[in-house]
Amino acid sequence: MTRLRVMTRLRVLVRPAILAAALVVPSLVIPAAPAAAALLVRIDKSTQTMSVVADGAPRYSWPVSTGRAGYGTPSGTYSPQRLHRTYFSKKYYNSPMPYSIFFHGGYAIHGSYEISRLGGPASHGCVRLHPSNAATLFSLVKQHGTGATRIVVTGAAPAAVARAPRRVVSDGPAEVVYAPRTYYAPAPAYAPVYRPFAPYAPPPYPYQRW
């Protein structure tokens, strides 16, 4: 009976050790799976710029246009919700929104043909990009996947875009003012002389010579 009790105690002590070894050893032999590649899109409303970091390395820096006064772009951290290669706004005059990346309800990153306004707030809340840059970002999001993409919106949009005042040139030639042109001669300064009508009378015939 004593030997049986000893064997039972050994089995009770050995089994947890075997189980622990079985859990530890595979973790030492099987390599860990590599982490998924991440795509980070940072939008700074204060500088109206976007920076793109792919696989931990900075890739791009582009000018953007966020929401103007009364149409702010929401700040926060988001993930893409849906992608549209071709899209037209149903709310704002059927405006074209190529390469749309919707990240918060109706807010999206998309291309814009108003290139001259990039670098300042001008949209109804979306983030506008040059169409070629929007196409590049759209391709990167599809490559990395929406689940591995993060969109971070920070900062505050400028209140107004400063514009250079118009330059007034004052050293040029003096402006010449022309009198209005008249198409009829002015009235004469003297009163016209009117002669009474005299009937025609032929000279006497024959002529007399003196």
Protein backbone atom coordinates (compact mmCIF):
# COMPACT_ATOMS: atom_id res chain seq x y z
CA MET A 1 0.00 0.00 0.00
CA THR A 2 2.89 2.34 0.71
CA ARG A 3 4.39 1.86 -2.77
CA LEU A 4 1.00 2.52 -4.37
CA ARG A 5 0.62 5.79 -2.52
CA VAL A 6 4.11 6.90 -3.57
CA MET A 7 3.42 6.12 -7.23
CA THR A 8 0.14 8.02 -7.10
CA ARG A 9 1.85 11.06 -5.62
CA LEU A 10 4.55 10.94 -8.31
CA ARG A 11 1.93 10.82 -11.05
CA VAL A 12 0.12 13.80 -9.55
CA LEU A 13 3.36 15.80 -9.44
CA VAL A 14 4.66 14.75 -12.86
CA ARG A 15 1.50 15.45 -14.88
CA PRO A 16 1.45 19.27 -14.27
CA ALA A 17 5.15 19.41 -15.20
CA ILE A 18 4.48 17.59 -18.48
CA LEU A 19 1.58 19.87 -19.29
CA ALA A 20 3.66 22.95 -18.55
CA ALA A 21 6.46 21.69 -20.78
CA ALA A 22 3.99 20.97 -23.55
CA LEU A 23 2.76 24.56 -23.41
CA VAL A 24 6.18 26.17 -23.22
CA VAL A 25 8.13 24.14 -25.76
CA PRO A 26 5.94 24.83 -28.82
CA SER A 27 6.16 28.56 -28.17
CA LEU A 28 9.93 28.25 -28.35
CA VAL A 29 9.91 26.24 -31.55
CA ILE A 30 7.15 27.94 -33.61
CA PRO A 31 8.13 31.48 -34.69
CA ALA A 32 5.69 34.29 -34.06
CA ALA A 33 3.67 35.51 -37.05
CA PRO A 34 4.82 38.86 -38.45
CA ALA A 35 2.72 41.89 -37.58
CA ALA A 36 0.43 43.27 -40.28
CA ALA A 37 1.76 46.26 -42.20
CA ALA A 38 0.09 49.52 -41.11
CA LEU A 39 -0.78 52.59 -43.15
CA LEU A 40 -0.99 55.83 -41.18
CA VAL A 41 -2.59 58.93 -42.69
CA ARG A 42 -2.16 62.10 -40.65
CA ILE A 43 -4.13 65.25 -41.48
CA ASP A 44 -3.15 68.51 -39.79
CA LYS A 45 -5.87 71.10 -40.20
CA SER A 46 -3.71 73.91 -38.83
CA THR A 47 -1.16 73.52 -41.65
CA GLN A 48 -3.57 72.04 -44.22
CA THR A 49 -1.21 69.16 -44.95
CA MET A 50 -1.40 65.37 -45.07
CA SER A 51 1.48 63.00 -44.30
CA VAL A 52 1.42 59.31 -45.19
CA VAL A 53 3.49 56.70 -43.34
CA ALA A 54 3.57 53.20 -44.82
CA ASP A 55 5.28 50.27 -43.07
CA GLY A 56 6.77 52.67 -40.53
CA ALA A 57 8.50 54.86 -43.15
CA PRO A 58 7.37 58.34 -44.22
CA ARG A 59 6.21 58.22 -47.83
CA TYR A 60 4.32 61.37 -48.81
CA SER A 61 3.44 64.89 -47.70
CA TRP A 62 0.68 66.70 -49.62
CA PRO A 63 -1.33 69.92 -49.32
CA VAL A 64 -5.02 69.45 -48.61
CA SER A 65 -8.20 71.45 -48.15
CA THR A 66 -10.32 70.70 -45.09
CA GLY A 67 -13.67 72.20 -44.10
CA ARG A 68 -14.06 75.96 -44.34
CA ALA A 69 -15.83 78.12 -41.77
CA GLY A 70 -19.15 76.53 -40.88
CA TYR A 71 -18.18 73.16 -42.37
CA GLY A 72 -15.45 71.83 -40.08
CA THR A 73 -13.70 68.51 -40.58
CA PRO A 74 -14.10 66.35 -37.43
CA SER A 75 -10.95 65.55 -35.46
CA GLY A 76 -10.18 62.05 -34.22
CA THR A 77 -8.78 58.65 -35.18
CA TYR A 78 -10.67 56.68 -37.81
CA SER A 79 -10.47 53.70 -40.14
CA PRO A 80 -11.72 53.68 -43.74
CA GLN A 81 -15.33 52.55 -43.94
CA ARG A 82 -15.84 52.31 -47.70
CA LEU A 83 -13.96 53.08 -50.90
CA HIS A 84 -15.32 54.45 -54.18
CA ARG A 85 -13.17 54.85 -57.27
CA THR A 86 -15.79 57.12 -58.84
CA TYR A 87 -18.29 59.02 -56.72
CA PHE A 88 -20.53 62.09 -57.04
CA SER A 89 -21.85 64.06 -54.09
CA LYS A 90 -25.60 63.68 -53.72
CA LYS A 91 -25.70 66.54 -51.21
CA TYR A 92 -23.60 69.19 -52.93
CA TYR A 93 -24.62 69.71 -56.55
CA ASN A 94 -23.49 66.29 -57.79
CA SER A 95 -19.86 67.38 -57.43
CA PRO A 96 -17.24 64.82 -58.54
CA MET A 97 -15.33 63.07 -55.72
CA PRO A 98 -12.82 60.71 -57.39
CA TYR A 99 -10.95 58.14 -55.27
CA SER A 100 -13.20 58.64 -52.24
CA ILE A 101 -12.15 57.11 -48.92
CA PHE A 102 -15.04 57.53 -46.46
CA PHE A 103 -13.82 57.48 -42.87
CA HIS A 104 -16.63 59.03 -40.76
CA GLY A 105 -20.19 58.97 -42.05
CA GLY A 106 -20.35 61.29 -45.04
CA TYR A 107 -16.82 62.66 -44.51
CA ALA A 108 -14.26 61.40 -46.99
CA ILE A 109 -10.79 61.93 -48.38
CA HIS A 110 -11.12 62.44 -52.12
CA GLY A 111 -9.60 64.11 -55.14
CA SER A 112 -10.59 67.63 -56.13
CA TYR A 113 -10.23 69.56 -59.36
CA GLU A 114 -10.08 72.89 -57.51
CA ILE A 115 -6.31 72.57 -57.35
CA SER A 116 -5.69 76.29 -56.84
CA ARG A 117 -7.47 76.16 -53.47
CA LEU A 118 -5.39 73.34 -51.98
CA GLY A 119 -3.45 74.45 -48.92
CA GLY A 120 -6.37 76.33 -47.38
CA PRO A 121 -9.78 75.39 -45.93
CA ALA A 122 -12.31 75.29 -48.76
CA SER A 123 -14.49 72.16 -48.53
CA HIS A 124 -17.81 71.27 -46.90
CA GLY A 125 -15.97 69.06 -44.39
CA CYS A 126 -14.24 66.49 -46.57
CA VAL A 127 -10.48 66.37 -47.06
CA ARG A 128 -9.57 67.36 -50.60
CA LEU A 129 -6.47 66.16 -52.41
CA HIS A 130 -4.93 66.62 -55.82
CA PRO A 131 -6.49 63.92 -58.03
CA SER A 132 -3.15 62.21 -58.67
CA ASN A 133 -2.32 62.17 -54.94
CA ALA A 134 -5.80 60.86 -54.16
CA ALA A 135 -5.24 58.02 -56.62
CA THR A 136 -1.95 57.13 -54.92
CA LEU A 137 -3.54 57.10 -51.46
CA PHE A 138 -6.49 55.08 -52.74
CA SER A 139 -4.09 52.44 -54.08
CA LEU A 140 -2.18 52.30 -50.79
CA VAL A 141 -5.37 51.77 -48.76
CA LYS A 142 -6.44 48.94 -51.06
CA GLN A 143 -2.97 47.42 -50.82
CA HIS A 144 -2.77 47.50 -47.01
CA GLY A 145 -6.46 46.96 -46.33
CA THR A 146 -8.95 49.11 -44.47
CA GLY A 147 -8.36 47.23 -41.21
CA ALA A 148 -4.64 48.14 -41.19
CA THR A 149 -5.18 51.79 -42.13
CA ARG A 150 -5.53 54.58 -39.58
CA ILE A 151 -6.63 58.14 -40.36
CA VAL A 152 -5.74 60.72 -37.71
CA VAL A 153 -7.19 64.24 -37.99
CA THR A 154 -5.75 66.88 -35.66
CA GLY A 155 -5.38 70.65 -35.33
CA ALA A 156 -7.74 73.51 -35.99
CA ALA A 157 -8.41 75.03 -39.38
CA PRO A 158 -7.26 78.64 -39.89
CA ALA A 159 -10.02 81.18 -39.44
CA ALA A 160 -9.33 82.83 -42.77
CA VAL A 161 -6.80 82.67 -45.55
CA ALA A 162 -4.69 85.81 -45.74
CA ARG A 163 -4.73 87.45 -49.12
CA ALA A 164 -2.23 89.99 -50.40
CA PRO A 165 -3.81 93.43 -50.88
CA ARG A 166 -4.11 94.77 -54.37
CA ARG A 167 -1.24 96.95 -55.45
CA VAL A 168 -2.22 100.46 -56.52
CA VAL A 169 0.12 101.95 -59.11
CA SER A 170 0.29 105.73 -58.66
CA ASP A 171 3.44 106.58 -60.63
CA GLY A 172 1.97 105.93 -64.04
CA PRO A 173 0.87 108.51 -66.58
CA ALA A 174 -2.00 110.74 -65.63
CA GLU A 175 -5.37 109.66 -66.83
CA VAL A 176 -6.52 111.61 -69.86
CA VAL A 177 -10.15 112.65 -69.79
CA TYR A 178 -11.65 113.19 -73.18
CA ALA A 179 -14.65 115.44 -73.78
CA PRO A 180 -17.67 113.68 -75.18
CA ARG A 181 -17.54 113.59 -78.93
CA THR A 182 -20.16 115.57 -80.82
CA TYR A 183 -21.28 114.71 -84.29
CA TYR A 184 -22.77 118.12 -85.20
CA ALA A 185 -21.03 121.48 -85.56
CA PRO A 186 -21.89 124.02 -82.89
CA ALA A 187 -24.12 126.96 -83.78
CA PRO A 188 -22.25 130.05 -85.13
CA ALA A 189 -21.53 132.88 -82.78
CA TYR A 190 -23.05 135.55 -85.09
CA ALA A 191 -26.65 135.95 -86.11
CA PRO A 192 -27.37 135.04 -89.74
CA VAL A 193 -28.34 137.88 -92.18
CA TYR A 194 -31.54 137.23 -94.07
CA ARG A 195 -32.19 139.19 -97.32
CA PRO A 196 -35.69 139.75 -98.64
CA PHE A 197 -36.66 137.81 -101.75
CA ALA A 198 -36.27 139.75 -105.00
CA PRO A 199 -37.77 138.47 -108.24
CA TYR A 200 -35.48 137.99 -111.19
CA ALA A 201 -35.36 140.93 -113.65
CA PRO A 202 -33.47 140.61 -116.93
CA PRO A 203 -31.27 143.50 -118.03
CA PRO A 204 -32.72 146.02 -120.49
CA TYR A 205 -32.39 145.24 -124.19
CA PRO A 206 -30.76 146.45 -126.43
CA TYR A 207 -27.83 147.63 -124.53
CA GLN A 208 -27.06 151.24 -124.84
CA ARG A 209 -23.52 152.24 -125.43
CA TRP A 210 -22.36 155.59 -124.18
